[in-house]
Amino acid sequence: MKKINQFTKIIILLIFITACAGYEPIFSSKNLKFSIVEHSIEGDKILGNKIYSKLKDISELNKNDNNASTINILINVTKDKKATSKDIAGKILEYKITLTLKMQIEDAYSGNKILNKNFTKSSTYKMQSQYSDTMNIENQLVENLINNIYQELLISISQNIQK
């Protein structure tokens, strides 16, 4: 009886382990087939280059694929930092950072617009007692905002390129 229970538990465990073996996300970056021919970056060059490098990595995967769409991209990123709260003495307690990405993608040969969309994300953070801690939080927040915008961008690109 004990052996049957153990055998049953092992079978159930194996079923659970192998049930998700074929999982594949709907909007996978592997399924995006495009190759960047030309690019242009406006606004904040550092943030624009971060987004471009992520797109370029996907583009490099499809370099030799004849079915990949050839595109030109224009990236315009702006970063806005505003104080949201101050104390009685006028010292800033909290900042709000807003990143705006204006993305234009067109077919490299026909010039048809594939995507012309704005993405905006914002978040707030509190000032820390040490300036370096505040800057670390700000930099991490900007990285998170860029990643969020990039994920939305990939979804939009996959919806428009596969049409």
N, C-alpha and C. Protein backbone atom coordinates (compact mmCIF):
# COMPACT_ATOMS: atom_id res chain seq x y z
N MET A 1 0.82 -1.19 0.00
CA MET A 1 0.00 0.00 0.00
C MET A 1 0.86 1.25 0.00
N LYS A 2 1.95 1.20 0.80
CA LYS A 2 2.84 2.34 0.88
C LYS A 2 3.53 2.60 -0.45
N LYS A 3 3.91 1.54 -1.15
CA LYS A 3 4.58 1.66 -2.45
C LYS A 3 3.64 2.26 -3.49
N ILE A 4 2.37 1.91 -3.45
CA ILE A 4 1.39 2.44 -4.40
C ILE A 4 1.22 3.95 -4.19
N ASN A 5 1.15 4.39 -2.92
CA ASN A 5 1.02 5.82 -2.63
C ASN A 5 2.24 6.60 -3.11
N GLN A 6 3.42 6.05 -2.88
CA GLN A 6 4.64 6.73 -3.34
C GLN A 6 4.69 6.77 -4.86
N PHE A 7 4.31 5.68 -5.50
CA PHE A 7 4.30 5.63 -6.96
C PHE A 7 3.32 6.65 -7.53
N THR A 8 2.15 6.78 -6.90
CA THR A 8 1.14 7.74 -7.34
C THR A 8 1.65 9.17 -7.17
N LYS A 9 2.29 9.44 -6.06
CA LYS A 9 2.85 10.78 -5.83
C LYS A 9 3.91 11.12 -6.85
N ILE A 10 4.75 10.17 -7.20
CA ILE A 10 5.80 10.40 -8.19
C ILE A 10 5.19 10.67 -9.57
N ILE A 11 4.18 9.94 -9.94
CA ILE A 11 3.52 10.13 -11.23
C ILE A 11 2.88 11.52 -11.29
N ILE A 12 2.19 11.91 -10.23
CA ILE A 12 1.55 13.23 -10.18
C ILE A 12 2.61 14.33 -10.25
N LEU A 13 3.71 14.16 -9.54
CA LEU A 13 4.80 15.13 -9.58
C LEU A 13 5.38 15.26 -10.99
N LEU A 14 5.58 14.16 -11.66
CA LEU A 14 6.10 14.20 -13.03
C LEU A 14 5.13 14.89 -13.99
N ILE A 15 3.85 14.67 -13.79
CA ILE A 15 2.85 15.34 -14.63
C ILE A 15 2.93 16.85 -14.44
N PHE A 16 3.04 17.30 -13.20
CA PHE A 16 3.14 18.74 -12.95
C PHE A 16 4.43 19.33 -13.51
N ILE A 17 5.51 18.61 -13.43
CA ILE A 17 6.80 19.11 -13.92
C ILE A 17 6.79 19.25 -15.43
N THR A 18 6.23 18.28 -16.13
CA THR A 18 6.26 18.30 -17.60
C THR A 18 5.09 19.04 -18.21
N ALA A 19 4.13 19.48 -17.43
CA ALA A 19 2.94 20.15 -17.98
C ALA A 19 3.29 21.48 -18.65
N CYS A 20 4.29 22.18 -18.18
CA CYS A 20 4.64 23.49 -18.74
C CYS A 20 5.86 23.43 -19.64
N ALA A 21 6.23 22.27 -20.09
CA ALA A 21 7.46 22.13 -20.88
C ALA A 21 7.39 22.85 -22.22
N GLY A 22 6.24 22.97 -22.83
CA GLY A 22 6.12 23.61 -24.14
C GLY A 22 5.65 25.05 -24.07
N TYR A 23 5.79 25.68 -22.92
CA TYR A 23 5.33 27.07 -22.77
C TYR A 23 6.11 28.00 -23.67
N GLU A 24 5.39 28.86 -24.37
CA GLU A 24 6.02 29.88 -25.19
C GLU A 24 5.16 31.14 -25.09
N PRO A 25 5.75 32.28 -24.76
CA PRO A 25 4.96 33.51 -24.63
C PRO A 25 4.36 33.93 -25.97
N ILE A 26 3.23 34.61 -25.91
CA ILE A 26 2.54 35.04 -27.12
C ILE A 26 3.38 36.05 -27.89
N PHE A 27 3.87 37.06 -27.20
CA PHE A 27 4.66 38.11 -27.85
C PHE A 27 6.13 37.89 -27.55
N SER A 28 6.69 36.84 -28.06
CA SER A 28 8.09 36.53 -27.84
C SER A 28 8.95 37.33 -28.80
N SER A 29 10.09 37.82 -28.32
CA SER A 29 10.98 38.59 -29.19
C SER A 29 11.64 37.70 -30.23
N LYS A 30 11.64 36.37 -30.03
CA LYS A 30 12.19 35.46 -31.03
C LYS A 30 11.32 35.46 -32.29
N ASN A 31 10.04 35.73 -32.15
CA ASN A 31 9.12 35.69 -33.28
C ASN A 31 9.14 36.99 -34.08
N LEU A 32 9.77 38.02 -33.56
CA LEU A 32 9.86 39.28 -34.29
C LEU A 32 10.94 39.16 -35.35
N LYS A 33 10.55 39.33 -36.57
CA LYS A 33 11.50 39.19 -37.66
C LYS A 33 11.64 40.54 -38.35
N PHE A 34 12.61 41.31 -37.90
CA PHE A 34 12.91 42.58 -38.54
C PHE A 34 14.40 42.83 -38.50
N SER A 35 14.83 43.63 -39.43
CA SER A 35 16.23 44.00 -39.52
C SER A 35 16.30 45.52 -39.65
N ILE A 36 17.06 46.15 -38.78
CA ILE A 36 17.16 47.61 -38.79
C ILE A 36 18.21 48.03 -39.83
N VAL A 37 17.77 48.85 -40.80
CA VAL A 37 18.66 49.35 -41.83
C VAL A 37 19.28 50.67 -41.39
N GLU A 38 18.42 51.60 -40.99
CA GLU A 38 18.89 52.91 -40.52
C GLU A 38 18.18 53.25 -39.21
N HIS A 39 18.87 54.03 -38.40
CA HIS A 39 18.24 54.49 -37.17
C HIS A 39 18.67 55.93 -36.90
N SER A 40 17.82 56.61 -36.15
CA SER A 40 18.11 57.98 -35.75
C SER A 40 17.62 58.15 -34.32
N ILE A 41 18.44 58.82 -33.51
CA ILE A 41 18.08 59.03 -32.11
C ILE A 41 18.05 60.52 -31.83
N GLU A 42 16.95 60.98 -31.25
CA GLU A 42 16.79 62.38 -30.87
C GLU A 42 16.46 62.46 -29.39
N GLY A 43 16.58 63.64 -28.84
CA GLY A 43 16.28 63.81 -27.42
C GLY A 43 17.44 63.35 -26.56
N ASP A 44 17.14 62.60 -25.52
CA ASP A 44 18.15 62.07 -24.61
C ASP A 44 18.88 60.92 -25.29
N LYS A 45 20.09 61.17 -25.72
CA LYS A 45 20.86 60.19 -26.51
C LYS A 45 21.18 58.92 -25.70
N ILE A 46 21.48 59.08 -24.42
CA ILE A 46 21.84 57.92 -23.60
C ILE A 46 20.67 56.96 -23.48
N LEU A 47 19.49 57.49 -23.16
CA LEU A 47 18.31 56.64 -23.04
C LEU A 47 17.90 56.09 -24.40
N GLY A 48 18.02 56.88 -25.44
CA GLY A 48 17.71 56.42 -26.79
C GLY A 48 18.61 55.28 -27.21
N ASN A 49 19.90 55.37 -26.87
CA ASN A 49 20.84 54.30 -27.21
C ASN A 49 20.54 53.02 -26.44
N LYS A 50 20.03 53.14 -25.22
CA LYS A 50 19.67 51.94 -24.46
C LYS A 50 18.53 51.19 -25.15
N ILE A 51 17.54 51.93 -25.61
CA ILE A 51 16.41 51.30 -26.30
C ILE A 51 16.87 50.75 -27.65
N TYR A 52 17.69 51.53 -28.37
CA TYR A 52 18.17 51.08 -29.67
C TYR A 52 19.00 49.80 -29.54
N SER A 53 19.85 49.72 -28.52
CA SER A 53 20.70 48.54 -28.38
C SER A 53 19.86 47.29 -28.14
N LYS A 54 18.75 47.43 -27.41
CA LYS A 54 17.87 46.28 -27.19
C LYS A 54 17.20 45.85 -28.50
N LEU A 55 16.77 46.85 -29.29
CA LEU A 55 16.17 46.53 -30.59
C LEU A 55 17.20 45.95 -31.55
N LYS A 56 18.42 46.46 -31.48
CA LYS A 56 19.48 45.99 -32.36
C LYS A 56 19.82 44.53 -32.07
N ASP A 57 19.76 44.13 -30.79
CA ASP A 57 20.01 42.73 -30.44
C ASP A 57 19.01 41.80 -31.12
N ILE A 58 17.74 42.19 -31.16
CA ILE A 58 16.72 41.39 -31.85
C ILE A 58 16.98 41.41 -33.34
N SER A 59 17.35 42.56 -33.86
CA SER A 59 17.62 42.71 -35.29
C SER A 59 18.79 41.83 -35.73
N GLU A 60 19.81 41.72 -34.90
CA GLU A 60 20.98 40.91 -35.24
C GLU A 60 20.63 39.43 -35.37
N LEU A 61 19.62 38.98 -34.64
CA LEU A 61 19.20 37.58 -34.73
C LEU A 61 18.63 37.27 -36.12
N ASN A 62 18.07 38.28 -36.78
CA ASN A 62 17.41 38.09 -38.06
C ASN A 62 18.23 38.63 -39.23
N LYS A 63 19.51 38.82 -39.02
CA LYS A 63 20.36 39.43 -40.03
C LYS A 63 20.36 38.63 -41.34
N ASN A 64 20.36 37.33 -41.25
CA ASN A 64 20.45 36.48 -42.44
C ASN A 64 19.10 35.92 -42.88
N ASP A 65 18.02 36.35 -42.25
CA ASP A 65 16.69 35.85 -42.58
C ASP A 65 16.10 36.68 -43.72
N ASN A 66 15.77 36.03 -44.84
CA ASN A 66 15.21 36.74 -45.99
C ASN A 66 13.77 37.17 -45.77
N ASN A 67 13.08 36.55 -44.82
CA ASN A 67 11.68 36.90 -44.55
C ASN A 67 11.55 38.05 -43.55
N ALA A 68 12.64 38.52 -43.02
CA ALA A 68 12.60 39.60 -42.02
C ALA A 68 12.26 40.93 -42.70
N SER A 69 11.44 41.71 -42.05
CA SER A 69 11.11 43.05 -42.55
C SER A 69 12.30 43.97 -42.33
N THR A 70 12.60 44.77 -43.33
CA THR A 70 13.69 45.75 -43.18
C THR A 70 13.05 47.09 -42.82
N ILE A 71 13.56 47.68 -41.74
CA ILE A 71 12.91 48.88 -41.21
C ILE A 71 13.93 49.98 -40.93
N ASN A 72 13.41 51.19 -40.92
CA ASN A 72 14.13 52.37 -40.43
C ASN A 72 13.41 52.82 -39.17
N ILE A 73 14.19 53.22 -38.17
CA ILE A 73 13.55 53.65 -36.92
C ILE A 73 14.03 55.03 -36.51
N LEU A 74 13.12 55.77 -35.90
CA LEU A 74 13.42 57.07 -35.30
C LEU A 74 13.00 56.98 -33.84
N ILE A 75 13.97 57.19 -32.96
CA ILE A 75 13.73 57.12 -31.51
C ILE A 75 13.91 58.52 -30.93
N ASN A 76 12.89 59.00 -30.23
CA ASN A 76 12.97 60.29 -29.57
C ASN A 76 12.56 60.08 -28.11
N VAL A 77 13.53 60.16 -27.21
CA VAL A 77 13.27 59.92 -25.79
C VAL A 77 13.49 61.23 -25.03
N THR A 78 12.55 61.55 -24.17
CA THR A 78 12.72 62.71 -23.28
C THR A 78 12.50 62.27 -21.84
N LYS A 79 13.27 62.86 -20.96
CA LYS A 79 13.17 62.56 -19.53
C LYS A 79 12.84 63.87 -18.82
N ASP A 80 11.79 63.85 -18.04
CA ASP A 80 11.36 65.04 -17.32
C ASP A 80 11.36 64.72 -15.83
N LYS A 81 12.04 65.55 -15.06
CA LYS A 81 12.15 65.35 -13.62
C LYS A 81 11.58 66.58 -12.93
N LYS A 82 10.54 66.39 -12.11
CA LYS A 82 9.88 67.49 -11.42
C LYS A 82 9.73 67.18 -9.94
N ALA A 83 9.83 68.20 -9.14
CA ALA A 83 9.59 68.05 -7.70
C ALA A 83 8.09 67.96 -7.47
N THR A 84 7.68 66.98 -6.69
CA THR A 84 6.25 66.81 -6.42
C THR A 84 5.85 67.25 -5.02
N SER A 85 6.79 67.23 -4.08
CA SER A 85 6.44 67.71 -2.74
C SER A 85 7.67 68.34 -2.08
N LYS A 86 7.38 69.37 -1.29
CA LYS A 86 8.43 70.08 -0.56
C LYS A 86 7.99 70.24 0.89
N ASP A 87 8.99 70.40 1.76
CA ASP A 87 8.64 70.65 3.16
C ASP A 87 8.43 72.15 3.37
N ILE A 88 8.20 72.54 4.59
CA ILE A 88 7.91 73.94 4.91
C ILE A 88 9.08 74.85 4.54
N ALA A 89 10.29 74.36 4.69
CA ALA A 89 11.48 75.16 4.39
C ALA A 89 11.76 75.23 2.89
N GLY A 90 11.02 74.50 2.09
CA GLY A 90 11.24 74.52 0.65
C GLY A 90 12.17 73.42 0.16
N LYS A 91 12.56 72.53 1.05
CA LYS A 91 13.44 71.42 0.66
C LYS A 91 12.60 70.36 -0.05
N ILE A 92 13.10 69.86 -1.17
CA ILE A 92 12.36 68.87 -1.96
C ILE A 92 12.38 67.53 -1.26
N LEU A 93 11.19 66.94 -1.14
CA LEU A 93 11.06 65.63 -0.49
C LEU A 93 10.85 64.50 -1.49
N GLU A 94 10.25 64.83 -2.65
CA GLU A 94 9.89 63.78 -3.61
C GLU A 94 9.97 64.32 -5.03
N TYR A 95 10.43 63.47 -5.93
CA TYR A 95 10.51 63.80 -7.35
C TYR A 95 9.63 62.86 -8.15
N LYS A 96 9.21 63.34 -9.31
CA LYS A 96 8.49 62.51 -10.28
C LYS A 96 9.28 62.53 -11.58
N ILE A 97 9.60 61.34 -12.08
CA ILE A 97 10.31 61.21 -13.34
C ILE A 97 9.34 60.68 -14.38
N THR A 98 9.30 61.34 -15.53
CA THR A 98 8.46 60.92 -16.64
C THR A 98 9.34 60.68 -17.86
N LEU A 99 9.25 59.49 -18.42
CA LEU A 99 9.95 59.17 -19.67
C LEU A 99 8.92 59.10 -20.78
N THR A 100 9.22 59.76 -21.89
CA THR A 100 8.36 59.74 -23.06
C THR A 100 9.17 59.27 -24.25
N LEU A 101 8.68 58.24 -24.90
CA LEU A 101 9.32 57.70 -26.10
C LEU A 101 8.40 57.92 -27.28
N LYS A 102 8.90 58.61 -28.30
CA LYS A 102 8.18 58.76 -29.56
C LYS A 102 8.89 57.86 -30.55
N MET A 103 8.22 56.82 -30.98
CA MET A 103 8.82 55.82 -31.85
C MET A 103 8.17 55.86 -33.21
N GLN A 104 9.00 55.99 -34.24
CA GLN A 104 8.51 55.92 -35.61
C GLN A 104 9.27 54.82 -36.32
N ILE A 105 8.52 53.89 -36.89
CA ILE A 105 9.11 52.80 -37.64
C ILE A 105 8.48 52.81 -39.02
N GLU A 106 9.33 52.74 -40.04
CA GLU A 106 8.82 52.66 -41.40
C GLU A 106 9.56 51.59 -42.17
N ASP A 107 8.91 51.08 -43.21
CA ASP A 107 9.52 50.09 -44.07
C ASP A 107 10.68 50.73 -44.81
N ALA A 108 11.82 50.06 -44.84
CA ALA A 108 13.03 50.66 -45.43
C ALA A 108 12.91 50.86 -46.93
N TYR A 109 12.15 50.01 -47.61
CA TYR A 109 12.08 50.11 -49.07
C TYR A 109 10.90 50.93 -49.55
N SER A 110 9.73 50.69 -48.99
CA SER A 110 8.54 51.40 -49.47
C SER A 110 8.32 52.73 -48.76
N GLY A 111 8.86 52.89 -47.56
CA GLY A 111 8.65 54.11 -46.80
C GLY A 111 7.32 54.15 -46.07
N ASN A 112 6.54 53.05 -46.11
CA ASN A 112 5.26 53.00 -45.40
C ASN A 112 5.48 52.98 -43.90
N LYS A 113 4.65 53.76 -43.19
CA LYS A 113 4.74 53.79 -41.73
C LYS A 113 4.21 52.48 -41.17
N ILE A 114 5.03 51.85 -40.35
CA ILE A 114 4.63 50.62 -39.67
C ILE A 114 4.11 50.96 -38.27
N LEU A 115 4.79 51.90 -37.62
CA LEU A 115 4.42 52.27 -36.25
C LEU A 115 4.77 53.74 -36.03
N ASN A 116 3.86 54.47 -35.47
CA ASN A 116 4.09 55.85 -35.07
C ASN A 116 3.34 56.03 -33.75
N LYS A 117 4.05 55.83 -32.65
CA LYS A 117 3.36 55.77 -31.36
C LYS A 117 4.19 56.43 -30.28
N ASN A 118 3.50 57.00 -29.29
CA ASN A 118 4.14 57.59 -28.12
C ASN A 118 3.90 56.67 -26.92
N PHE A 119 4.95 56.49 -26.14
CA PHE A 119 4.88 55.71 -24.92
C PHE A 119 5.32 56.61 -23.77
N THR A 120 4.53 56.64 -22.71
CA THR A 120 4.85 57.47 -21.56
C THR A 120 4.72 56.65 -20.29
N LYS A 121 5.75 56.73 -19.47
CA LYS A 121 5.74 56.07 -18.16
C LYS A 121 6.30 57.05 -17.15
N SER A 122 5.77 57.00 -15.94
CA SER A 122 6.28 57.88 -14.90
C SER A 122 6.24 57.17 -13.56
N SER A 123 7.08 57.68 -12.66
CA SER A 123 7.13 57.13 -11.32
C SER A 123 7.71 58.18 -10.38
N THR A 124 7.47 58.01 -9.10
CA THR A 124 7.98 58.96 -8.12
C THR A 124 8.95 58.25 -7.18
N TYR A 125 9.81 59.04 -6.59
CA TYR A 125 10.73 58.51 -5.58
C TYR A 125 11.01 59.59 -4.56
N LYS A 126 11.35 59.17 -3.34
CA LYS A 126 11.62 60.09 -2.24
C LYS A 126 13.11 60.36 -2.13
N MET A 127 13.42 61.55 -1.69
CA MET A 127 14.81 61.93 -1.46
C MET A 127 15.34 61.13 -0.27
N GLN A 128 16.59 60.74 -0.36
CA GLN A 128 17.26 60.01 0.72
C GLN A 128 18.20 60.96 1.45
N SER A 129 18.68 60.54 2.59
CA SER A 129 19.58 61.39 3.36
C SER A 129 20.92 61.55 2.65
N GLN A 130 21.36 60.53 1.94
CA GLN A 130 22.61 60.60 1.18
C GLN A 130 22.30 60.85 -0.29
N TYR A 131 23.03 61.77 -0.90
CA TYR A 131 22.83 62.10 -2.32
C TYR A 131 23.08 60.88 -3.20
N SER A 132 24.10 60.09 -2.88
CA SER A 132 24.42 58.92 -3.70
C SER A 132 23.28 57.89 -3.66
N ASP A 133 22.62 57.75 -2.51
CA ASP A 133 21.48 56.84 -2.42
C ASP A 133 20.33 57.34 -3.29
N THR A 134 20.12 58.65 -3.29
CA THR A 134 19.07 59.23 -4.12
C THR A 134 19.36 59.00 -5.59
N MET A 135 20.61 59.18 -6.00
CA MET A 135 20.98 58.98 -7.40
C MET A 135 20.87 57.51 -7.80
N ASN A 136 21.22 56.61 -6.90
CA ASN A 136 21.07 55.18 -7.19
C ASN A 136 19.60 54.81 -7.40
N ILE A 137 18.74 55.35 -6.56
CA ILE A 137 17.30 55.09 -6.69
C ILE A 137 16.79 55.67 -8.01
N GLU A 138 17.23 56.89 -8.33
CA GLU A 138 16.79 57.52 -9.58
C GLU A 138 17.24 56.71 -10.79
N ASN A 139 18.49 56.28 -10.80
CA ASN A 139 19.00 55.50 -11.92
C ASN A 139 18.27 54.16 -12.07
N GLN A 140 18.01 53.51 -10.95
CA GLN A 140 17.27 52.24 -11.00
C GLN A 140 15.85 52.46 -11.49
N LEU A 141 15.23 53.55 -11.07
CA LEU A 141 13.88 53.87 -11.51
C LEU A 141 13.84 54.13 -13.01
N VAL A 142 14.82 54.84 -13.53
CA VAL A 142 14.89 55.11 -14.97
C VAL A 142 15.06 53.81 -15.74
N GLU A 143 15.91 52.90 -15.24
CA GLU A 143 16.09 51.60 -15.89
C GLU A 143 14.78 50.82 -15.92
N ASN A 144 14.04 50.84 -14.82
CA ASN A 144 12.76 50.14 -14.77
C ASN A 144 11.76 50.75 -15.74
N LEU A 145 11.73 52.07 -15.83
CA LEU A 145 10.82 52.74 -16.77
C LEU A 145 11.19 52.40 -18.21
N ILE A 146 12.48 52.36 -18.51
CA ILE A 146 12.92 52.00 -19.87
C ILE A 146 12.51 50.57 -20.19
N ASN A 147 12.69 49.66 -19.25
CA ASN A 147 12.29 48.27 -19.48
C ASN A 147 10.79 48.14 -19.70
N ASN A 148 9.99 48.89 -18.94
CA ASN A 148 8.54 48.86 -19.12
C ASN A 148 8.14 49.40 -20.49
N ILE A 149 8.75 50.50 -20.89
CA ILE A 149 8.45 51.08 -22.20
C ILE A 149 8.89 50.11 -23.30
N TYR A 150 10.05 49.49 -23.13
CA TYR A 150 10.55 48.56 -24.12
C TYR A 150 9.61 47.37 -24.29
N GLN A 151 9.06 46.86 -23.20
CA GLN A 151 8.12 45.75 -23.29
C GLN A 151 6.86 46.15 -24.05
N GLU A 152 6.34 47.35 -23.78
CA GLU A 152 5.18 47.83 -24.52
C GLU A 152 5.52 48.03 -25.99
N LEU A 153 6.72 48.52 -26.26
CA LEU A 153 7.18 48.73 -27.63
C LEU A 153 7.24 47.41 -28.38
N LEU A 154 7.77 46.37 -27.76
CA LEU A 154 7.83 45.06 -28.41
C LEU A 154 6.45 44.54 -28.76
N ILE A 155 5.50 44.73 -27.87
CA ILE A 155 4.13 44.30 -28.15
C ILE A 155 3.58 45.05 -29.34
N SER A 156 3.78 46.36 -29.39
CA SER A 156 3.30 47.16 -30.51
C SER A 156 3.98 46.77 -31.81
N ILE A 157 5.28 46.54 -31.76
CA ILE A 157 6.00 46.15 -32.97
C ILE A 157 5.49 44.79 -33.46
N SER A 158 5.32 43.84 -32.56
CA SER A 158 4.88 42.51 -32.97
C SER A 158 3.47 42.56 -33.57
N GLN A 159 2.63 43.42 -33.07
CA GLN A 159 1.29 43.54 -33.61
C GLN A 159 1.30 44.19 -34.99
N ASN A 160 2.22 45.12 -35.22
CA ASN A 160 2.22 45.86 -36.49
C ASN A 160 3.07 45.21 -37.56
N ILE A 161 4.15 44.56 -37.21
CA ILE A 161 5.00 43.95 -38.22
C ILE A 161 4.38 42.65 -38.74
N GLN A 162 3.70 41.91 -37.90
CA GLN A 162 3.14 40.63 -38.32
C GLN A 162 1.83 40.78 -39.11
N LYS A 163 1.34 42.00 -39.28
CA LYS A 163 0.07 42.20 -40.02
C LYS A 163 0.28 41.96 -41.49
